[in-house]
Amino acid sequence: MIKVEGLTKTYSGVTAIRDLEFSVAKGEIVGFLGPNGAGKSTTMRILSCFLPATSGHATVAGFDVASQSREVRSRVGYMPENVALYTEMRVQEYLEYRAALKGVRGRRNRQRVNAVKELCSLRDVEQKLIGALSKGYRQRVGLADALLHDPDLLILDEPTIGLDPNQIRQVRQLIRDLGKRHTILLSTHILTEVEMTCSRVLILDRGRIAASDTPANLAGRVRTAGGICAEIRADAAVLERELSALPGVRKVELNPLEDGWHGCMLRTDAGRDRREQVAALAAAKGWPLRELCREQVNLERVFAEITQSGEI
């Protein structure tokens, strides 16, 4: 569905993205992540034909975004981070107007407007002025707008920004449902949202793709995936020295608890479980041990590891 090769964009001598290369297959829901200024919004604007690239090549559904922009626009639904809406219009008339602008007219106009209102739960506010709507409903109107022409590809830039937890859950479920019929490129800073929604993750850092894989595979590859949590009662200095001397232990962090207990976080080399060594050491030293487990690595840890170190 999307193929990007050597894509570069420069603003007044500042390079936002450089030699970007990635692809998205039809039917995928792909999380597009990166720190602020990494080039995510620039890339999405190029793919949706809102912005020309300085160099490189990108296609959507086989059509070139530079030379065949009309064909690309008819196949892409783009919801920017800050949705620009006509606040003096009512929801119904706004959607009818936007559908007509996208070439959806006559009976199909009414059908598509009714369909997206139902899909985005806008029936209750269809006759309200957009300017009187809450942030959550405005986001829904923006998403409905992106869906009006039934596009093959949806590009969603921070679709849940400003929403409350209940609204976020509703939009998350909606995105999962849309993924059954559409290819979706989703940019968000809510990493749990990506873990629960996306089949694959692209992490952009300093204008380049730093990682591309499933959330589970990225967690397995991250360098600090060998974390161990323990609670041990012992002298802090002795505890830190002895734990640090274990093979494969890179760093020990202690957190004092009650009655001489310490919470211990061990950063270990990935690929081998070191819990048996910790248990054996505690037994040999006569240290009481009341907790010992592997640290669960989530996408937040993976993201921090990649964007801070530049590699995994």
C-alpha atoms as a PDB file:
ATOM      1  CA  MET A   1       0.000   0.000   0.000  1.00  0.00           C
ATOM      2  CA  ILE A   2       2.834   2.405   0.878  1.00  0.00           C
ATOM      3  CA  LYS A   3       6.355   2.283  -0.509  1.00  0.00           C
ATOM      4  CA  VAL A   4       8.940   4.921   0.397  1.00  0.00           C
ATOM      5  CA  GLU A   5      12.425   5.011  -1.133  1.00  0.00           C
ATOM      6  CA  GLY A   6      15.133   7.551  -0.369  1.00  0.00           C
ATOM      7  CA  LEU A   7      12.632  10.190   0.789  1.00  0.00           C
ATOM      8  CA  THR A   8      14.246  13.460   1.916  1.00  0.00           C
ATOM      9  CA  LYS A   9      12.718  16.782   2.958  1.00  0.00           C
ATOM     10  CA  THR A  10      14.737  19.905   3.724  1.00  0.00           C
ATOM     11  CA  TYR A  11      13.364  23.173   5.134  1.00  0.00           C
ATOM     12  CA  SER A  12      15.664  26.189   4.640  1.00  0.00           C
ATOM     13  CA  GLY A  13      18.756  24.053   5.002  1.00  0.00           C
ATOM     14  CA  VAL A  14      17.391  21.954   7.885  1.00  0.00           C
ATOM     15  CA  THR A  15      16.786  18.291   6.987  1.00  0.00           C
ATOM     16  CA  ALA A  16      13.595  16.919   8.546  1.00  0.00           C
ATOM     17  CA  ILE A  17      13.867  13.435   7.023  1.00  0.00           C
ATOM     18  CA  ARG A  18      16.825  11.930   5.174  1.00  0.00           C
ATOM     19  CA  ASP A  19      16.853   8.917   2.792  1.00  0.00           C
ATOM     20  CA  LEU A  20      13.759   7.461   4.435  1.00  0.00           C
ATOM     21  CA  GLU A  21      12.836   3.926   3.335  1.00  0.00           C
ATOM     22  CA  PHE A  22       9.931   1.749   4.508  1.00  0.00           C
ATOM     23  CA  SER A  23       6.831  -0.032   3.249  1.00  0.00           C
ATOM     24  CA  VAL A  24       3.362  -0.787   4.596  1.00  0.00           C
ATOM     25  CA  ALA A  25       1.394  -3.747   3.250  1.00  0.00           C
ATOM     26  CA  LYS A  26      -2.307  -3.667   2.491  1.00  0.00           C
ATOM     27  CA  GLY A  27      -4.418  -4.382   5.573  1.00  0.00           C
ATOM     28  CA  GLU A  28      -1.731  -3.512   8.148  1.00  0.00           C
ATOM     29  CA  ILE A  29      -2.252  -1.215  11.133  1.00  0.00           C
ATOM     30  CA  VAL A  30       1.191   0.340  11.595  1.00  0.00           C
ATOM     31  CA  GLY A  31       2.229   2.566  14.481  1.00  0.00           C
ATOM     32  CA  PHE A  32       4.448   5.450  13.344  1.00  0.00           C
ATOM     33  CA  LEU A  33       6.444   6.592  16.374  1.00  0.00           C
ATOM     34  CA  GLY A  34       9.228   9.000  17.157  1.00  0.00           C
ATOM     35  CA  PRO A  35      10.191  11.869  19.466  1.00  0.00           C
ATOM     36  CA  ASN A  36       9.075  15.411  18.672  1.00  0.00           C
ATOM     37  CA  GLY A  37      10.937  16.701  15.633  1.00  0.00           C
ATOM     38  CA  ALA A  38      11.787  13.226  14.331  1.00  0.00           C
ATOM     39  CA  GLY A  39       9.979  13.860  11.029  1.00  0.00           C
ATOM     40  CA  LYS A  40       6.700  11.952  11.511  1.00  0.00           C
ATOM     41  CA  SER A  41       4.317  14.747  10.539  1.00  0.00           C
ATOM     42  CA  THR A  42       6.526  15.722   7.585  1.00  0.00           C
ATOM     43  CA  THR A  43       6.408  12.154   6.284  1.00  0.00           C
ATOM     44  CA  MET A  44       2.634  11.887   6.691  1.00  0.00           C
ATOM     45  CA  ARG A  45       2.066  15.203   4.916  1.00  0.00           C
ATOM     46  CA  ILE A  46       4.190  14.040   1.990  1.00  0.00           C
ATOM     47  CA  LEU A  47       2.290  10.737   1.760  1.00  0.00           C
ATOM     48  CA  SER A  48      -1.050  12.572   1.819  1.00  0.00           C
ATOM     49  CA  CYS A  49       0.118  15.056  -0.864  1.00  0.00           C
ATOM     50  CA  PHE A  50      -0.009  18.099   1.427  1.00  0.00           C
ATOM     51  CA  LEU A  51       3.743  18.654   1.106  1.00  0.00           C
ATOM     52  CA  PRO A  52       6.272  17.947  -1.674  1.00  0.00           C
ATOM     53  CA  ALA A  53       9.455  16.008  -0.940  1.00  0.00           C
ATOM     54  CA  THR A  54      12.870  17.512  -1.686  1.00  0.00           C
ATOM     55  CA  SER A  55      14.027  14.226  -3.205  1.00  0.00           C
ATOM     56  CA  GLY A  56      13.207  10.541  -3.206  1.00  0.00           C
ATOM     57  CA  HIS A  57      10.177   8.554  -4.221  1.00  0.00           C
ATOM     58  CA  ALA A  58       6.932   7.518  -2.502  1.00  0.00           C
ATOM     59  CA  THR A  59       3.898   5.654  -3.784  1.00  0.00           C
ATOM     60  CA  VAL A  60       0.469   4.912  -2.324  1.00  0.00           C
ATOM     61  CA  ALA A  61      -1.521   2.043  -3.861  1.00  0.00           C
ATOM     62  CA  GLY A  62       0.981   2.103  -6.711  1.00  0.00           C
ATOM     63  CA  PHE A  63       0.528   5.811  -7.519  1.00  0.00           C
ATOM     64  CA  ASP A  64       3.333   8.356  -7.174  1.00  0.00           C
ATOM     65  CA  VAL A  65       2.568  11.055  -4.588  1.00  0.00           C
ATOM     66  CA  ALA A  66       4.337  13.725  -6.666  1.00  0.00           C
ATOM     67  CA  SER A  67       3.188  13.040 -10.240  1.00  0.00           C
ATOM     68  CA  GLN A  68      -0.149  11.292  -9.547  1.00  0.00           C
ATOM     69  CA  SER A  69      -1.429  13.240  -6.562  1.00  0.00           C
ATOM     70  CA  ARG A  70      -5.084  13.185  -7.676  1.00  0.00           C
ATOM     71  CA  GLU A  71      -5.125   9.375  -7.674  1.00  0.00           C
ATOM     72  CA  VAL A  72      -3.322   9.288  -4.322  1.00  0.00           C
ATOM     73  CA  ARG A  73      -5.707  11.771  -2.683  1.00  0.00           C
ATOM     74  CA  SER A  74      -8.720   9.715  -3.772  1.00  0.00           C
ATOM     75  CA  ARG A  75      -7.266   6.719  -1.926  1.00  0.00           C
ATOM     76  CA  VAL A  76      -6.035   8.428   1.254  1.00  0.00           C
ATOM     77  CA  GLY A  77      -7.973   9.686   4.253  1.00  0.00           C
ATOM     78  CA  TYR A  78      -5.800  12.047   6.311  1.00  0.00           C
ATOM     79  CA  MET A  79      -6.619  13.243   9.806  1.00  0.00           C
ATOM     80  CA  PRO A  80      -4.020  15.798  10.972  1.00  0.00           C
ATOM     81  CA  GLU A  81      -3.120  16.384  14.601  1.00  0.00           C
ATOM     82  CA  ASN A  82      -5.029  19.669  14.710  1.00  0.00           C
ATOM     83  CA  VAL A  83      -8.188  19.101  12.703  1.00  0.00           C
ATOM     84  CA  ALA A  84      -9.290  22.248  10.846  1.00  0.00           C
ATOM     85  CA  LEU A  85     -13.095  22.388  10.953  1.00  0.00           C
ATOM     86  CA  TYR A  86     -15.649  25.010   9.910  1.00  0.00           C
ATOM     87  CA  THR A  87     -16.984  25.770  13.374  1.00  0.00           C
ATOM     88  CA  GLU A  88     -19.949  27.820  12.088  1.00  0.00           C
ATOM     89  CA  MET A  89     -21.365  24.799  10.222  1.00  0.00           C
ATOM     90  CA  ARG A  90     -23.515  22.011  11.628  1.00  0.00           C
ATOM     91  CA  VAL A  91     -22.092  18.491  11.656  1.00  0.00           C
ATOM     92  CA  GLN A  92     -24.535  17.205   9.025  1.00  0.00           C
ATOM     93  CA  GLU A  93     -23.976  20.025   6.538  1.00  0.00           C
ATOM     94  CA  TYR A  94     -20.222  20.004   7.102  1.00  0.00           C
ATOM     95  CA  LEU A  95     -19.952  16.305   6.262  1.00  0.00           C
ATOM     96  CA  GLU A  96     -22.204  16.698   3.217  1.00  0.00           C
ATOM     97  CA  TYR A  97     -20.073  19.623   2.041  1.00  0.00           C
ATOM     98  CA  ARG A  98     -16.788  17.776   2.595  1.00  0.00           C
ATOM     99  CA  ALA A  99     -18.104  14.680   0.827  1.00  0.00           C
ATOM    100  CA  ALA A 100     -19.074  16.775  -2.200  1.00  0.00           C
ATOM    101  CA  LEU A 101     -15.586  18.341  -2.294  1.00  0.00           C
ATOM    102  CA  LYS A 102     -14.166  14.808  -2.429  1.00  0.00           C
ATOM    103  CA  GLY A 103     -16.355  13.905  -5.396  1.00  0.00           C
ATOM    104  CA  VAL A 104     -18.968  11.989  -3.406  1.00  0.00           C
ATOM    105  CA  ARG A 105     -22.278  13.338  -4.716  1.00  0.00           C
ATOM    106  CA  GLY A 106     -25.955  12.493  -5.122  1.00  0.00           C
ATOM    107  CA  ARG A 107     -27.310   9.403  -3.410  1.00  0.00           C
ATOM    108  CA  ARG A 108     -23.808   8.201  -2.511  1.00  0.00           C
ATOM    109  CA  ASN A 109     -23.213  11.467  -0.632  1.00  0.00           C
ATOM    110  CA  ARG A 110     -26.144  10.760   1.683  1.00  0.00           C
ATOM    111  CA  GLN A 111     -25.132   7.108   2.054  1.00  0.00           C
ATOM    112  CA  ARG A 112     -21.536   7.887   2.999  1.00  0.00           C
ATOM    113  CA  VAL A 113     -22.477  10.725   5.390  1.00  0.00           C
ATOM    114  CA  ASN A 114     -24.960   8.447   7.156  1.00  0.00           C
ATOM    115  CA  ALA A 115     -22.390   5.638   7.272  1.00  0.00           C
ATOM    116  CA  VAL A 116     -19.608   7.738   8.850  1.00  0.00           C
ATOM    117  CA  LYS A 117     -21.999   9.355  11.326  1.00  0.00           C
ATOM    118  CA  GLU A 118     -22.972   5.895  12.501  1.00  0.00           C
ATOM    119  CA  LEU A 119     -19.388   4.668  12.536  1.00  0.00           C
ATOM    120  CA  CYS A 120     -18.100   7.652  14.522  1.00  0.00           C
ATOM    121  CA  SER A 121     -21.151   7.921  16.824  1.00  0.00           C
ATOM    122  CA  LEU A 122     -22.207  11.381  15.617  1.00  0.00           C
ATOM    123  CA  ARG A 123     -25.964  10.829  15.333  1.00  0.00           C
ATOM    124  CA  ASP A 124     -26.688  12.636  18.593  1.00  0.00           C
ATOM    125  CA  VAL A 125     -24.880  15.812  17.488  1.00  0.00           C
ATOM    126  CA  GLU A 126     -25.591  15.878  13.753  1.00  0.00           C
ATOM    127  CA  GLN A 127     -27.583  19.131  13.981  1.00  0.00           C
ATOM    128  CA  LYS A 128     -25.236  20.875  16.401  1.00  0.00           C
ATOM    129  CA  LEU A 129     -22.782  23.602  15.430  1.00  0.00           C
ATOM    130  CA  ILE A 130     -19.249  22.237  15.313  1.00  0.00           C
ATOM    131  CA  GLY A 131     -18.087  25.226  17.362  1.00  0.00           C
ATOM    132  CA  ALA A 132     -20.321  24.055  20.237  1.00  0.00           C
ATOM    133  CA  LEU A 133     -18.904  20.519  20.302  1.00  0.00           C
ATOM    134  CA  SER A 134     -16.457  19.116  22.842  1.00  0.00           C
ATOM    135  CA  LYS A 135     -12.894  18.222  21.857  1.00  0.00           C
ATOM    136  CA  GLY A 136     -13.855  14.567  21.691  1.00  0.00           C
ATOM    137  CA  TYR A 137     -16.705  15.140  19.276  1.00  0.00           C
ATOM    138  CA  ARG A 138     -14.563  17.420  17.116  1.00  0.00           C
ATOM    139  CA  GLN A 139     -12.014  14.615  16.818  1.00  0.00           C
ATOM    140  CA  ARG A 140     -14.810  12.293  15.746  1.00  0.00           C
ATOM    141  CA  VAL A 141     -15.944  14.774  13.103  1.00  0.00           C
ATOM    142  CA  GLY A 142     -12.379  14.962  11.793  1.00  0.00           C
ATOM    143  CA  LEU A 143     -12.167  11.171  11.618  1.00  0.00           C
ATOM    144  CA  ALA A 144     -15.554  10.989   9.889  1.00  0.00           C
ATOM    145  CA  ASP A 145     -14.297  13.536   7.355  1.00  0.00           C
ATOM    146  CA  ALA A 146     -11.261  11.335   6.604  1.00  0.00           C
ATOM    147  CA  LEU A 147     -13.571   8.347   6.004  1.00  0.00           C
ATOM    148  CA  LEU A 148     -16.141  10.003   3.735  1.00  0.00           C
ATOM    149  CA  HIS A 149     -14.694   8.785   0.417  1.00  0.00           C
ATOM    150  CA  ASP A 150     -14.040   5.278   1.817  1.00  0.00           C
ATOM    151  CA  PRO A 151     -10.242   5.474   1.330  1.00  0.00           C
ATOM    152  CA  ASP A 152      -7.917   2.489   1.057  1.00  0.00           C
ATOM    153  CA  LEU A 153      -5.393   4.129   3.408  1.00  0.00           C
ATOM    154  CA  LEU A 154      -6.044   6.081   6.604  1.00  0.00           C
ATOM    155  CA  ILE A 155      -3.266   8.324   7.941  1.00  0.00           C
ATOM    156  CA  LEU A 156      -4.077   9.365  11.509  1.00  0.00           C
ATOM    157  CA  ASP A 157      -1.875  11.889  13.305  1.00  0.00           C
ATOM    158  CA  GLU A 158      -2.539  11.848  17.084  1.00  0.00           C
ATOM    159  CA  PRO A 159      -6.235  10.895  16.731  1.00  0.00           C
ATOM    160  CA  THR A 160      -6.817  10.713  20.506  1.00  0.00           C
ATOM    161  CA  ILE A 161      -5.058  13.929  21.529  1.00  0.00           C
ATOM    162  CA  GLY A 162      -7.082  15.865  24.105  1.00  0.00           C
ATOM    163  CA  LEU A 163      -9.580  13.061  24.722  1.00  0.00           C
ATOM    164  CA  ASP A 164     -10.554  11.662  28.111  1.00  0.00           C
ATOM    165  CA  PRO A 165      -9.860   7.974  28.952  1.00  0.00           C
ATOM    166  CA  ASN A 166     -13.348   6.810  27.940  1.00  0.00           C
ATOM    167  CA  GLN A 167     -13.131   8.621  24.605  1.00  0.00           C
ATOM    168  CA  ILE A 168      -9.647   7.183  24.017  1.00  0.00           C
ATOM    169  CA  ARG A 169     -10.981   3.646  24.504  1.00  0.00           C
ATOM    170  CA  GLN A 170     -13.807   4.335  22.071  1.00  0.00           C
ATOM    171  CA  VAL A 171     -11.484   5.728  19.390  1.00  0.00           C
ATOM    172  CA  ARG A 172      -9.029   2.847  19.943  1.00  0.00           C
ATOM    173  CA  GLN A 173     -11.806   0.319  19.338  1.00  0.00           C
ATOM    174  CA  LEU A 174     -12.938   2.278  16.294  1.00  0.00           C
ATOM    175  CA  ILE A 175      -9.422   2.151  14.835  1.00  0.00           C
ATOM    176  CA  ARG A 176      -9.290  -1.621  15.375  1.00  0.00           C
ATOM    177  CA  ASP A 177     -12.638  -1.973  13.599  1.00  0.00           C
ATOM    178  CA  LEU A 178     -11.490   0.257  10.730  1.00  0.00           C
ATOM    179  CA  GLY A 179      -8.387  -1.913  10.369  1.00  0.00           C
ATOM    180  CA  LYS A 180     -10.596  -4.735   9.106  1.00  0.00           C
ATOM    181  CA  ARG A 181     -11.299  -2.722   5.947  1.00  0.00           C
ATOM    182  CA  HIS A 182      -8.530  -0.138   5.684  1.00  0.00           C
ATOM    183  CA  THR A 183      -4.756   0.074   5.858  1.00  0.00           C
ATOM    184  CA  ILE A 184      -3.873   2.450   8.726  1.00  0.00           C
ATOM    185  CA  LEU A 185      -0.754   4.480   9.499  1.00  0.00           C
ATOM    186  CA  LEU A 186      -1.150   5.731  13.069  1.00  0.00           C
ATOM    187  CA  SER A 187       1.035   8.315  14.772  1.00  0.00           C
ATOM    188  CA  THR A 188       0.603   8.773  18.527  1.00  0.00           C
ATOM    189  CA  HIS A 189       2.566   9.448  21.707  1.00  0.00           C
ATOM    190  CA  ILE A 190       0.355   7.045  23.689  1.00  0.00           C
ATOM    191  CA  LEU A 191       2.467   3.920  23.387  1.00  0.00           C
ATOM    192  CA  THR A 192      -0.001   1.609  25.129  1.00  0.00           C
ATOM    193  CA  GLU A 193      -2.409   2.566  22.354  1.00  0.00           C
ATOM    194  CA  VAL A 194       0.065   1.275  19.766  1.00  0.00           C
ATOM    195  CA  GLU A 195       0.659  -1.964  21.682  1.00  0.00           C
ATOM    196  CA  MET A 196      -3.072  -2.643  21.812  1.00  0.00           C
ATOM    197  CA  THR A 197      -3.882  -1.574  18.251  1.00  0.00           C
ATOM    198  CA  CYS A 198      -0.976  -2.023  15.842  1.00  0.00           C
ATOM    199  CA  SER A 199       0.426  -5.133  14.188  1.00  0.00           C
ATOM    200  CA  ARG A 200       3.755  -3.440  13.451  1.00  0.00           C
ATOM    201  CA  VAL A 201       5.749  -0.434  14.628  1.00  0.00           C
ATOM    202  CA  LEU A 202       7.986   1.975  12.730  1.00  0.00           C
ATOM    203  CA  ILE A 203      10.202   4.101  14.984  1.00  0.00           C
ATOM    204  CA  LEU A 204      11.572   7.263  13.414  1.00  0.00           C
ATOM    205  CA  ASP A 205      14.544   8.973  15.040  1.00  0.00           C
ATOM    206  CA  ARG A 206      16.420  12.030  13.732  1.00  0.00           C
ATOM    207  CA  GLY A 207      14.789  11.697  10.323  1.00  0.00           C
ATOM    208  CA  ARG A 208      15.579   7.998   9.784  1.00  0.00           C
ATOM    209  CA  ILE A 209      13.861   4.688  10.470  1.00  0.00           C
ATOM    210  CA  ALA A 210      15.531   3.327  13.609  1.00  0.00           C
ATOM    211  CA  ALA A 211      13.418   0.170  13.964  1.00  0.00           C
ATOM    212  CA  SER A 212      10.634  -1.714  12.193  1.00  0.00           C
ATOM    213  CA  ASP A 213       9.026  -4.818  13.715  1.00  0.00           C
ATOM    214  CA  THR A 214       6.122  -6.063  15.810  1.00  0.00           C
ATOM    215  CA  PRO A 215       5.921  -4.653  19.365  1.00  0.00           C
ATOM    216  CA  ALA A 216       6.671  -8.110  20.789  1.00  0.00           C
ATOM    217  CA  ASN A 217       9.745  -8.643  18.609  1.00  0.00           C
ATOM    218  CA  LEU A 218      11.108  -5.197  19.430  1.00  0.00           C
ATOM    219  CA  ALA A 219      10.757  -5.934  23.126  1.00  0.00           C
ATOM    220  CA  GLY A 220      12.701  -9.154  22.625  1.00  0.00           C
ATOM    221  CA  ARG A 221      15.528  -7.384  20.819  1.00  0.00           C
ATOM    222  CA  VAL A 222      15.966  -4.397  23.128  1.00  0.00           C
ATOM    223  CA  ARG A 223      19.350  -4.445  24.871  1.00  0.00           C
ATOM    224  CA  THR A 224      18.013  -4.041  28.415  1.00  0.00           C
ATOM    225  CA  ALA A 225      15.383  -6.756  28.047  1.00  0.00           C
ATOM    226  CA  GLY A 226      17.250  -8.817  30.683  1.00  0.00           C
ATOM    227  CA  GLY A 227      15.990  -6.798  33.663  1.00  0.00           C
ATOM    228  CA  ILE A 228      15.426  -8.585  36.994  1.00  0.00           C
ATOM    229  CA  CYS A 229      13.422  -7.291  39.970  1.00  0.00           C
ATOM    230  CA  ALA A 230      14.089  -8.604  43.500  1.00  0.00           C
ATOM    231  CA  GLU A 231      13.401  -7.705  47.132  1.00  0.00           C
ATOM    232  CA  ILE A 232      16.210  -8.738  49.501  1.00  0.00           C
ATOM    233  CA  ARG A 233      17.025  -7.893  53.138  1.00  0.00           C
ATOM    234  CA  ALA A 234      20.759  -7.192  53.486  1.00  0.00           C
ATOM    235  CA  ASP A 235      23.286  -4.405  53.979  1.00  0.00           C
ATOM    236  CA  ALA A 236      23.003  -2.049  50.990  1.00  0.00           C
ATOM    237  CA  ALA A 237      26.730  -1.763  50.261  1.00  0.00           C
ATOM    238  CA  VAL A 238      27.286  -5.521  50.448  1.00  0.00           C
ATOM    239  CA  LEU A 239      24.156  -6.195  48.414  1.00  0.00           C
ATOM    240  CA  GLU A 240      25.184  -3.838  45.610  1.00  0.00           C
ATOM    241  CA  ARG A 241      28.749  -5.193  45.541  1.00  0.00           C
ATOM    242  CA  GLU A 242      27.764  -8.864  45.442  1.00  0.00           C
ATOM    243  CA  LEU A 243      24.975  -8.457  42.903  1.00  0.00           C
ATOM    244  CA  SER A 244      27.196  -6.348  40.628  1.00  0.00           C
ATOM    245  CA  ALA A 245      29.805  -9.134  40.639  1.00  0.00           C
ATOM    246  CA  LEU A 246      27.400 -11.684  39.154  1.00  0.00           C
ATOM    247  CA  PRO A 247      28.223 -12.661  35.523  1.00  0.00           C
ATOM    248  CA  GLY A 248      26.147 -10.761  32.971  1.00  0.00           C
ATOM    249  CA  VAL A 249      24.977  -8.042  35.383  1.00  0.00           C
ATOM    250  CA  ARG A 250      25.589  -4.602  33.894  1.00  0.00           C
ATOM    251  CA  LYS A 251      24.025  -2.343  36.532  1.00  0.00           C
ATOM    252  CA  VAL A 252      22.368  -2.615  39.952  1.00  0.00           C
ATOM    253  CA  GLU A 253      19.876  -0.065  41.292  1.00  0.00           C
ATOM    254  CA  LEU A 254      18.728  -0.248  44.940  1.00  0.00           C
ATOM    255  CA  ASN A 255      15.608   1.258  46.467  1.00  0.00           C
ATOM    256  CA  PRO A 256      15.497   1.212  50.315  1.00  0.00           C
ATOM    257  CA  LEU A 257      12.298  -0.301  51.735  1.00  0.00           C
ATOM    258  CA  GLU A 258      11.148  -0.958  55.309  1.00  0.00           C
ATOM    259  CA  ASP A 259      13.031  -2.950  57.979  1.00  0.00           C
ATOM    260  CA  GLY A 260      16.267  -3.328  56.041  1.00  0.00           C
ATOM    261  CA  TRP A 261      14.671  -4.615  52.852  1.00  0.00           C
ATOM    262  CA  HIS A 262      15.823  -3.296  49.465  1.00  0.00           C
ATOM    263  CA  GLY A 263      14.134  -3.302  46.100  1.00  0.00           C
ATOM    264  CA  CYS A 264      16.781  -4.382  43.581  1.00  0.00           C
ATOM    265  CA  MET A 265      16.693  -3.710  39.845  1.00  0.00           C
ATOM    266  CA  LEU A 266      19.373  -5.570  37.882  1.00  0.00           C
ATOM    267  CA  ARG A 267      20.174  -4.632  34.288  1.00  0.00           C
ATOM    268  CA  THR A 268      21.573  -7.753  32.661  1.00  0.00           C
ATOM    269  CA  ASP A 269      22.744  -8.838  29.239  1.00  0.00           C
ATOM    270  CA  ALA A 270      19.802  -9.880  27.068  1.00  0.00           C
ATOM    271  CA  GLY A 271      19.261 -13.454  26.029  1.00  0.00           C
ATOM    272  CA  ARG A 272      19.746 -15.283  29.361  1.00  0.00           C
ATOM    273  CA  ASP A 273      17.678 -15.514  32.533  1.00  0.00           C
ATOM    274  CA  ARG A 274      19.844 -14.632  35.582  1.00  0.00           C
ATOM    275  CA  ARG A 275      17.257 -15.264  38.298  1.00  0.00           C
ATOM    276  CA  GLU A 276      18.783 -18.597  39.356  1.00  0.00           C
ATOM    277  CA  GLN A 277      22.108 -16.879  40.030  1.00  0.00           C
ATOM    278  CA  VAL A 278      20.419 -14.220  42.169  1.00  0.00           C
ATOM    279  CA  ALA A 279      18.502 -16.870  44.149  1.00  0.00           C
ATOM    280  CA  ALA A 280      21.660 -18.945  44.642  1.00  0.00           C
ATOM    281  CA  LEU A 281      23.594 -15.891  45.860  1.00  0.00           C
ATOM    282  CA  ALA A 282      20.859 -14.971  48.353  1.00  0.00           C
ATOM    283  CA  ALA A 283      20.821 -18.536  49.687  1.00  0.00           C
ATOM    284  CA  ALA A 284      24.607 -18.672  50.002  1.00  0.00           C
ATOM    285  CA  LYS A 285      24.724 -15.345  51.861  1.00  0.00           C
ATOM    286  CA  GLY A 286      21.718 -16.136  54.071  1.00  0.00           C
ATOM    287  CA  TRP A 287      19.774 -13.122  52.732  1.00  0.00           C
ATOM    288  CA  PRO A 288      15.974 -13.281  53.088  1.00  0.00           C
ATOM    289  CA  LEU A 289      14.432 -13.106  49.590  1.00  0.00           C
ATOM    290  CA  ARG A 290      10.737 -12.335  49.187  1.00  0.00           C
ATOM    291  CA  GLU A 291      10.435 -11.404  45.503  1.00  0.00           C
ATOM    292  CA  LEU A 292      12.278 -12.386  42.327  1.00  0.00           C
ATOM    293  CA  CYS A 293      10.911 -11.834  38.816  1.00  0.00           C
ATOM    294  CA  ARG A 294      11.857 -10.762  35.319  1.00  0.00           C
ATOM    295  CA  GLU A 295      11.024  -7.217  34.331  1.00  0.00           C
ATOM    296  CA  GLN A 296       8.327  -6.928  31.717  1.00  0.00           C
ATOM    297  CA  VAL A 297       9.572  -4.838  28.790  1.00  0.00           C
ATOM    298  CA  ASN A 298       6.866  -2.699  27.210  1.00  0.00           C
ATOM    299  CA  LEU A 299       6.908  -0.481  24.146  1.00  0.00           C
ATOM    300  CA  GLU A 300       7.708   2.567  26.268  1.00  0.00           C
ATOM    301  CA  ARG A 301      11.014   1.002  27.323  1.00  0.00           C
ATOM    302  CA  VAL A 302      11.753  -0.066  23.754  1.00  0.00           C
ATOM    303  CA  PHE A 303      11.024   3.438  22.474  1.00  0.00           C
ATOM    304  CA  ALA A 304      13.266   5.062  25.087  1.00  0.00           C
ATOM    305  CA  GLU A 305      16.084   2.601  24.420  1.00  0.00           C
ATOM    306  CA  ILE A 306      16.028   3.150  20.665  1.00  0.00           C
ATOM    307  CA  THR A 307      15.593   6.917  20.581  1.00  0.00           C
ATOM    308  CA  GLN A 308      18.134   7.586  23.346  1.00  0.00           C
ATOM    309  CA  SER A 309      20.864   5.248  22.128  1.00  0.00           C
ATOM    310  CA  GLY A 310      20.034   5.234  18.416  1.00  0.00           C
ATOM    311  CA  GLU A 311      20.250   1.452  18.231  1.00  0.00           C
ATOM    312  CA  ILE A 312      19.153  -1.803  19.831  1.00  0.00           C
END
